[in-house]
Amino acid sequence: MQFKELRKIAEKFYSKGLPYHNFDHAITTIKNAKKIVENCKKDELYPDEEIICISLLFHDAGYHQDHKEKGHYSKEDYSAVIAEEILRKEGFEETKIQKIKRAIITTHRYARWRTLEEGIIRAADLAGMAADYQTFLKNTILLKEEYELLNNRKLTLNKYKQIVKKIIGFYLKEDIHLSRKYFDDDGKSHFHTKTIENLSRFLKESSSNHASNHNNL
């Protein structure tokens, strides 16, 4: 099956009503992954690109649904099962299906990656944290809107800032070193440097600045 056809199938499992975890996010992570793959190739590392792209295509499928109600312990587990059912129906090899399923589960906050493909997938999903500040801000505000939508409750900006600080602080403990491009000329991680810079600016800015910057995107 061609990737273009699989893309059409996957899109049906995403909700346009979600501000952040929609199909556009899935496509963005694939673009992020392709950049990481190119850097890996420069270091003579050659990951399975099919596994990476298909995993990211489905990695947030069904996010808008209640995974617990459907008998799954996490949204990632539910997404993995959706992918498993679709890929098996389309005749994919069982070995490849299980690799994709495991890779999707790797996007869970507390998961640990084991293979090169899983590392690329996790890094691609987190890449927005180290993007330019306008992209970081846009994603952060959209995630706030989505949290409020899914939990049916509002958050003050100060409360949300503390949540963001805690979540990003968790991810900053992680080191997804996949290629030499991960470090700058001084040996510092590009991801950590830029993410800390973005977080610091976000925490310092007032709500009026956030609104102004967000509206100008």
C-alpha atoms as a PDB file:
ATOM      1  CA  MET A   1       0.000   0.000   0.000  1.00  0.00           C
ATOM      2  CA  GLN A   2       1.273   3.460  -0.892  1.00  0.00           C
ATOM      3  CA  PHE A   3       1.905   5.937   1.908  1.00  0.00           C
ATOM      4  CA  LYS A   4      -0.524   8.424   0.340  1.00  0.00           C
ATOM      5  CA  GLU A   5      -3.390   5.918   0.674  1.00  0.00           C
ATOM      6  CA  LEU A   6      -2.417   5.052   4.236  1.00  0.00           C
ATOM      7  CA  ARG A   7      -2.363   8.763   5.035  1.00  0.00           C
ATOM      8  CA  LYS A   8      -6.015   9.090   3.980  1.00  0.00           C
ATOM      9  CA  ILE A   9      -6.965   6.199   6.244  1.00  0.00           C
ATOM     10  CA  ALA A  10      -5.045   7.576   9.223  1.00  0.00           C
ATOM     11  CA  GLU A  11      -6.559  11.043   8.886  1.00  0.00           C
ATOM     12  CA  LYS A  12     -10.018   9.632   9.637  1.00  0.00           C
ATOM     13  CA  PHE A  13      -8.870   8.778  13.162  1.00  0.00           C
ATOM     14  CA  TYR A  14      -8.009  12.386  14.030  1.00  0.00           C
ATOM     15  CA  SER A  15     -10.416  15.115  15.107  1.00  0.00           C
ATOM     16  CA  LYS A  16     -10.277  18.552  13.493  1.00  0.00           C
ATOM     17  CA  GLY A  17     -11.845  19.826  16.717  1.00  0.00           C
ATOM     18  CA  LEU A  18      -8.640  19.366  18.699  1.00  0.00           C
ATOM     19  CA  PRO A  19      -6.463  22.492  18.734  1.00  0.00           C
ATOM     20  CA  TYR A  20      -3.142  20.621  18.876  1.00  0.00           C
ATOM     21  CA  HIS A  21      -3.297  16.809  18.591  1.00  0.00           C
ATOM     22  CA  ASN A  22      -4.931  16.863  15.176  1.00  0.00           C
ATOM     23  CA  PHE A  23      -3.753  15.449  11.854  1.00  0.00           C
ATOM     24  CA  ASP A  24      -1.670  18.542  11.092  1.00  0.00           C
ATOM     25  CA  HIS A  25       0.439  17.700  14.144  1.00  0.00           C
ATOM     26  CA  ALA A  26       1.019  14.177  12.835  1.00  0.00           C
ATOM     27  CA  ILE A  27       2.218  15.557   9.489  1.00  0.00           C
ATOM     28  CA  THR A  28       4.456  18.093  11.247  1.00  0.00           C
ATOM     29  CA  THR A  29       6.164  15.346  13.237  1.00  0.00           C
ATOM     30  CA  ILE A  30       6.847  13.436  10.024  1.00  0.00           C
ATOM     31  CA  LYS A  31       8.533  16.541   8.577  1.00  0.00           C
ATOM     32  CA  ASN A  32      10.565  16.864  11.789  1.00  0.00           C
ATOM     33  CA  ALA A  33      11.579  13.215  11.554  1.00  0.00           C
ATOM     34  CA  LYS A  34      12.769  13.535   7.969  1.00  0.00           C
ATOM     35  CA  LYS A  35      15.202  16.273   9.020  1.00  0.00           C
ATOM     36  CA  ILE A  36      16.522  14.081  11.835  1.00  0.00           C
ATOM     37  CA  VAL A  37      16.860  11.119   9.458  1.00  0.00           C
ATOM     38  CA  GLU A  38      18.960  13.202   7.069  1.00  0.00           C
ATOM     39  CA  ASN A  39      21.301  14.135   9.917  1.00  0.00           C
ATOM     40  CA  CYS A  40      21.580  10.473  10.899  1.00  0.00           C
ATOM     41  CA  LYS A  41      22.498   9.511   7.343  1.00  0.00           C
ATOM     42  CA  LYS A  42      25.370  12.005   7.439  1.00  0.00           C
ATOM     43  CA  ASP A  43      26.695   9.961  10.352  1.00  0.00           C
ATOM     44  CA  GLU A  44      26.158   6.745   8.358  1.00  0.00           C
ATOM     45  CA  LEU A  45      23.101   5.714  10.353  1.00  0.00           C
ATOM     46  CA  TYR A  46      20.276   4.408   8.202  1.00  0.00           C
ATOM     47  CA  PRO A  47      16.949   3.988  10.044  1.00  0.00           C
ATOM     48  CA  ASP A  48      13.853   2.311   8.612  1.00  0.00           C
ATOM     49  CA  GLU A  49      12.002   5.353   7.282  1.00  0.00           C
ATOM     50  CA  GLU A  50       8.813   3.434   6.616  1.00  0.00           C
ATOM     51  CA  ILE A  51       8.480   2.472  10.265  1.00  0.00           C
ATOM     52  CA  ILE A  52       9.175   6.058  11.320  1.00  0.00           C
ATOM     53  CA  CYS A  53       6.658   7.677   8.974  1.00  0.00           C
ATOM     54  CA  ILE A  54       3.843   5.181   9.572  1.00  0.00           C
ATOM     55  CA  SER A  55       4.353   5.316  13.347  1.00  0.00           C
ATOM     56  CA  LEU A  56       4.140   9.107  13.375  1.00  0.00           C
ATOM     57  CA  LEU A  57       1.157   9.006  11.023  1.00  0.00           C
ATOM     58  CA  PHE A  58      -0.819   7.077  13.648  1.00  0.00           C
ATOM     59  CA  HIS A  59       0.919   8.177  16.861  1.00  0.00           C
ATOM     60  CA  ASP A  60      -1.994  10.340  18.087  1.00  0.00           C
ATOM     61  CA  ALA A  61      -4.841   8.572  16.292  1.00  0.00           C
ATOM     62  CA  GLY A  62      -7.980   8.547  18.437  1.00  0.00           C
ATOM     63  CA  TYR A  63      -6.546  11.169  20.796  1.00  0.00           C
ATOM     64  CA  HIS A  64      -9.948  12.870  21.088  1.00  0.00           C
ATOM     65  CA  GLN A  65     -11.560   9.680  22.387  1.00  0.00           C
ATOM     66  CA  ASP A  66     -11.671   8.306  25.924  1.00  0.00           C
ATOM     67  CA  HIS A  67      -8.967   5.636  25.839  1.00  0.00           C
ATOM     68  CA  LYS A  68      -9.850   4.315  29.300  1.00  0.00           C
ATOM     69  CA  GLU A  69     -13.444   3.799  28.272  1.00  0.00           C
ATOM     70  CA  LYS A  70     -12.144   1.689  25.403  1.00  0.00           C
ATOM     71  CA  GLY A  71      -9.997  -0.404  27.732  1.00  0.00           C
ATOM     72  CA  HIS A  72      -6.559   1.130  27.171  1.00  0.00           C
ATOM     73  CA  TYR A  73      -4.141   2.396  29.833  1.00  0.00           C
ATOM     74  CA  SER A  74      -2.944   5.351  27.761  1.00  0.00           C
ATOM     75  CA  LYS A  75      -3.742   7.332  24.632  1.00  0.00           C
ATOM     76  CA  GLU A  76      -0.528   6.020  23.090  1.00  0.00           C
ATOM     77  CA  ASP A  77      -1.578   2.419  23.695  1.00  0.00           C
ATOM     78  CA  TYR A  78      -4.935   3.125  22.061  1.00  0.00           C
ATOM     79  CA  SER A  79      -3.241   4.773  19.048  1.00  0.00           C
ATOM     80  CA  ALA A  80      -0.918   1.785  18.730  1.00  0.00           C
ATOM     81  CA  VAL A  81      -3.862  -0.626  18.643  1.00  0.00           C
ATOM     82  CA  ILE A  82      -5.618   1.478  15.994  1.00  0.00           C
ATOM     83  CA  ALA A  83      -2.474   1.312  13.853  1.00  0.00           C
ATOM     84  CA  GLU A  84      -2.113  -2.423  14.489  1.00  0.00           C
ATOM     85  CA  GLU A  85      -5.654  -3.149  13.318  1.00  0.00           C
ATOM     86  CA  ILE A  86      -5.353  -0.992  10.193  1.00  0.00           C
ATOM     87  CA  LEU A  87      -1.943  -2.307   9.171  1.00  0.00           C
ATOM     88  CA  ARG A  88      -2.939  -5.939   9.700  1.00  0.00           C
ATOM     89  CA  LYS A  89      -6.034  -5.368   7.587  1.00  0.00           C
ATOM     90  CA  GLU A  90      -3.854  -3.873   4.853  1.00  0.00           C
ATOM     91  CA  GLY A  91      -1.551  -6.894   4.838  1.00  0.00           C
ATOM     92  CA  PHE A  92       1.582  -5.538   6.527  1.00  0.00           C
ATOM     93  CA  GLU A  93       4.088  -8.049   7.893  1.00  0.00           C
ATOM     94  CA  GLU A  94       3.491  -8.880  11.541  1.00  0.00           C
ATOM     95  CA  THR A  95       7.095  -8.085  12.491  1.00  0.00           C
ATOM     96  CA  LYS A  96       6.788  -4.599  11.040  1.00  0.00           C
ATOM     97  CA  ILE A  97       3.398  -4.061  12.694  1.00  0.00           C
ATOM     98  CA  GLN A  98       4.842  -4.845  16.116  1.00  0.00           C
ATOM     99  CA  LYS A  99       7.784  -2.487  15.550  1.00  0.00           C
ATOM    100  CA  ILE A 100       5.372   0.293  14.620  1.00  0.00           C
ATOM    101  CA  LYS A 101       3.157  -0.454  17.589  1.00  0.00           C
ATOM    102  CA  ARG A 102       6.116  -0.306  19.970  1.00  0.00           C
ATOM    103  CA  ALA A 103       7.352   2.901  18.338  1.00  0.00           C
ATOM    104  CA  ILE A 104       3.994   4.615  18.852  1.00  0.00           C
ATOM    105  CA  ILE A 105       3.978   3.650  22.531  1.00  0.00           C
ATOM    106  CA  THR A 106       7.445   5.238  22.771  1.00  0.00           C
ATOM    107  CA  THR A 107       5.778   8.660  22.412  1.00  0.00           C
ATOM    108  CA  HIS A 108       4.262   8.229  25.900  1.00  0.00           C
ATOM    109  CA  ARG A 109       5.809  10.708  28.337  1.00  0.00           C
ATOM    110  CA  TYR A 110       7.364   8.041  30.549  1.00  0.00           C
ATOM    111  CA  ALA A 111       8.434   5.648  27.790  1.00  0.00           C
ATOM    112  CA  ARG A 112      12.058   4.963  26.915  1.00  0.00           C
ATOM    113  CA  TRP A 113      13.274   4.490  23.385  1.00  0.00           C
ATOM    114  CA  ARG A 114      15.397   1.481  22.493  1.00  0.00           C
ATOM    115  CA  THR A 115      15.984   1.570  18.750  1.00  0.00           C
ATOM    116  CA  LEU A 116      17.189   4.283  16.380  1.00  0.00           C
ATOM    117  CA  GLU A 117      13.713   4.505  14.865  1.00  0.00           C
ATOM    118  CA  GLU A 118      12.081   4.945  18.270  1.00  0.00           C
ATOM    119  CA  GLY A 119      14.566   7.660  19.200  1.00  0.00           C
ATOM    120  CA  ILE A 120      13.857   9.566  15.997  1.00  0.00           C
ATOM    121  CA  ILE A 121      10.114   9.291  16.552  1.00  0.00           C
ATOM    122  CA  ARG A 122      10.359  10.574  20.116  1.00  0.00           C
ATOM    123  CA  ALA A 123      12.682  13.412  19.098  1.00  0.00           C
ATOM    124  CA  ALA A 124      10.386  14.389  16.219  1.00  0.00           C
ATOM    125  CA  ASP A 125       7.389  14.529  18.551  1.00  0.00           C
ATOM    126  CA  LEU A 126       9.263  16.825  20.962  1.00  0.00           C
ATOM    127  CA  ALA A 127      10.935  18.995  18.320  1.00  0.00           C
ATOM    128  CA  GLY A 128       8.412  21.818  18.705  1.00  0.00           C
ATOM    129  CA  MET A 129       9.832  22.632  22.120  1.00  0.00           C
ATOM    130  CA  ALA A 130      13.093  23.693  20.464  1.00  0.00           C
ATOM    131  CA  ALA A 131      11.519  25.459  17.487  1.00  0.00           C
ATOM    132  CA  ASP A 132      11.546  29.239  17.018  1.00  0.00           C
ATOM    133  CA  TYR A 133       9.747  31.048  19.835  1.00  0.00           C
ATOM    134  CA  GLN A 134       6.635  31.921  17.819  1.00  0.00           C
ATOM    135  CA  THR A 135       6.115  28.240  17.006  1.00  0.00           C
ATOM    136  CA  PHE A 136       6.786  27.271  20.619  1.00  0.00           C
ATOM    137  CA  LEU A 137       4.285  29.856  21.862  1.00  0.00           C
ATOM    138  CA  LYS A 138       1.633  28.844  19.347  1.00  0.00           C
ATOM    139  CA  ASN A 139       1.946  25.175  20.322  1.00  0.00           C
ATOM    140  CA  THR A 140       1.901  25.989  24.031  1.00  0.00           C
ATOM    141  CA  ILE A 141      -1.262  28.090  23.778  1.00  0.00           C
ATOM    142  CA  LEU A 142      -2.976  25.471  21.611  1.00  0.00           C
ATOM    143  CA  LEU A 143      -2.129  22.801  24.177  1.00  0.00           C
ATOM    144  CA  LYS A 144      -3.713  24.964  26.893  1.00  0.00           C
ATOM    145  CA  GLU A 145      -6.883  25.307  24.826  1.00  0.00           C
ATOM    146  CA  GLU A 146      -6.914  21.564  24.221  1.00  0.00           C
ATOM    147  CA  TYR A 147      -6.406  20.749  27.900  1.00  0.00           C
ATOM    148  CA  GLU A 148      -9.347  22.975  28.811  1.00  0.00           C
ATOM    149  CA  LEU A 149     -11.481  21.404  26.089  1.00  0.00           C
ATOM    150  CA  LEU A 150     -10.767  17.805  27.046  1.00  0.00           C
ATOM    151  CA  ASN A 151     -11.014  18.400  30.795  1.00  0.00           C
ATOM    152  CA  ASN A 152     -13.924  20.847  30.625  1.00  0.00           C
ATOM    153  CA  ARG A 153     -12.268  23.364  32.915  1.00  0.00           C
ATOM    154  CA  LYS A 154     -10.359  26.614  32.554  1.00  0.00           C
ATOM    155  CA  LEU A 155      -6.805  27.217  33.722  1.00  0.00           C
ATOM    156  CA  THR A 156      -5.338  30.538  34.735  1.00  0.00           C
ATOM    157  CA  LEU A 157      -2.222  31.427  32.772  1.00  0.00           C
ATOM    158  CA  ASN A 158      -0.085  31.329  35.920  1.00  0.00           C
ATOM    159  CA  LYS A 159      -1.355  27.850  36.782  1.00  0.00           C
ATOM    160  CA  TYR A 160      -0.724  26.706  33.223  1.00  0.00           C
ATOM    161  CA  LYS A 161       2.798  28.126  33.281  1.00  0.00           C
ATOM    162  CA  GLN A 162       3.608  25.932  36.252  1.00  0.00           C
ATOM    163  CA  ILE A 163       2.269  22.895  34.397  1.00  0.00           C
ATOM    164  CA  VAL A 164       4.349  23.752  31.331  1.00  0.00           C
ATOM    165  CA  LYS A 165       7.451  24.277  33.494  1.00  0.00           C
ATOM    166  CA  LYS A 166       7.004  20.873  35.113  1.00  0.00           C
ATOM    167  CA  ILE A 167       6.352  19.006  31.852  1.00  0.00           C
ATOM    168  CA  ILE A 168       9.222  20.590  29.949  1.00  0.00           C
ATOM    169  CA  GLY A 169      11.476  20.164  32.968  1.00  0.00           C
ATOM    170  CA  PHE A 170      10.772  16.441  32.752  1.00  0.00           C
ATOM    171  CA  TYR A 171      11.705  16.267  29.074  1.00  0.00           C
ATOM    172  CA  LEU A 172      14.867  18.310  29.638  1.00  0.00           C
ATOM    173  CA  LYS A 173      16.198  15.408  31.696  1.00  0.00           C
ATOM    174  CA  GLU A 174      16.153  13.303  28.547  1.00  0.00           C
ATOM    175  CA  ASP A 175      19.060  13.051  26.113  1.00  0.00           C
ATOM    176  CA  ILE A 176      18.050  11.901  22.626  1.00  0.00           C
ATOM    177  CA  HIS A 177      21.483  11.996  21.055  1.00  0.00           C
ATOM    178  CA  LEU A 178      21.082  10.473  17.590  1.00  0.00           C
ATOM    179  CA  SER A 179      23.712  12.227  15.481  1.00  0.00           C
ATOM    180  CA  ARG A 180      26.518  14.772  15.728  1.00  0.00           C
ATOM    181  CA  LYS A 181      24.029  17.471  14.641  1.00  0.00           C
ATOM    182  CA  TYR A 182      22.493  17.132  18.113  1.00  0.00           C
ATOM    183  CA  PHE A 183      25.314  19.278  19.534  1.00  0.00           C
ATOM    184  CA  ASP A 184      26.526  22.783  18.719  1.00  0.00           C
ATOM    185  CA  ASP A 185      30.192  23.757  18.275  1.00  0.00           C
ATOM    186  CA  ASP A 186      30.561  24.072  22.042  1.00  0.00           C
ATOM    187  CA  GLY A 187      29.261  20.570  22.647  1.00  0.00           C
ATOM    188  CA  LYS A 188      25.909  21.731  24.016  1.00  0.00           C
ATOM    189  CA  SER A 189      22.622  20.150  22.990  1.00  0.00           C
ATOM    190  CA  HIS A 190      20.692  22.296  20.498  1.00  0.00           C
ATOM    191  CA  PHE A 191      17.450  20.868  21.890  1.00  0.00           C
ATOM    192  CA  HIS A 192      18.206  21.725  25.506  1.00  0.00           C
ATOM    193  CA  THR A 193      19.611  25.184  24.764  1.00  0.00           C
ATOM    194  CA  LYS A 194      16.682  26.311  22.628  1.00  0.00           C
ATOM    195  CA  THR A 195      14.007  24.679  24.788  1.00  0.00           C
ATOM    196  CA  ILE A 196      15.332  26.350  27.939  1.00  0.00           C
ATOM    197  CA  GLU A 197      15.434  29.677  26.080  1.00  0.00           C
ATOM    198  CA  ASN A 198      11.811  29.280  24.932  1.00  0.00           C
ATOM    199  CA  LEU A 199      10.567  28.188  28.342  1.00  0.00           C
ATOM    200  CA  SER A 200      12.345  31.045  30.108  1.00  0.00           C
ATOM    201  CA  ARG A 201      10.803  33.617  27.772  1.00  0.00           C
ATOM    202  CA  PHE A 202       7.343  32.088  28.111  1.00  0.00           C
ATOM    203  CA  LEU A 203       7.483  32.138  31.909  1.00  0.00           C
ATOM    204  CA  LYS A 204       8.613  35.775  31.969  1.00  0.00           C
ATOM    205  CA  GLU A 205       6.137  37.198  29.480  1.00  0.00           C
ATOM    206  CA  SER A 206       2.835  38.660  30.630  1.00  0.00           C
ATOM    207  CA  SER A 207      -0.523  37.352  29.398  1.00  0.00           C
ATOM    208  CA  SER A 208      -0.936  40.450  27.204  1.00  0.00           C
ATOM    209  CA  ASN A 209       2.376  39.695  25.457  1.00  0.00           C
ATOM    210  CA  HIS A 210       1.317  36.094  24.911  1.00  0.00           C
ATOM    211  CA  ALA A 211      -1.960  37.208  23.374  1.00  0.00           C
ATOM    212  CA  SER A 212      -0.251  39.767  21.175  1.00  0.00           C
ATOM    213  CA  ASN A 213       2.383  37.338  19.936  1.00  0.00           C
ATOM    214  CA  HIS A 214      -0.184  34.594  19.408  1.00  0.00           C
ATOM    215  CA  ASN A 215      -2.506  36.853  17.405  1.00  0.00           C
ATOM    216  CA  ASN A 216       0.361  37.940  15.176  1.00  0.00           C
ATOM    217  CA  LEU A 217       1.198  34.374  14.116  1.00  0.00           C
END
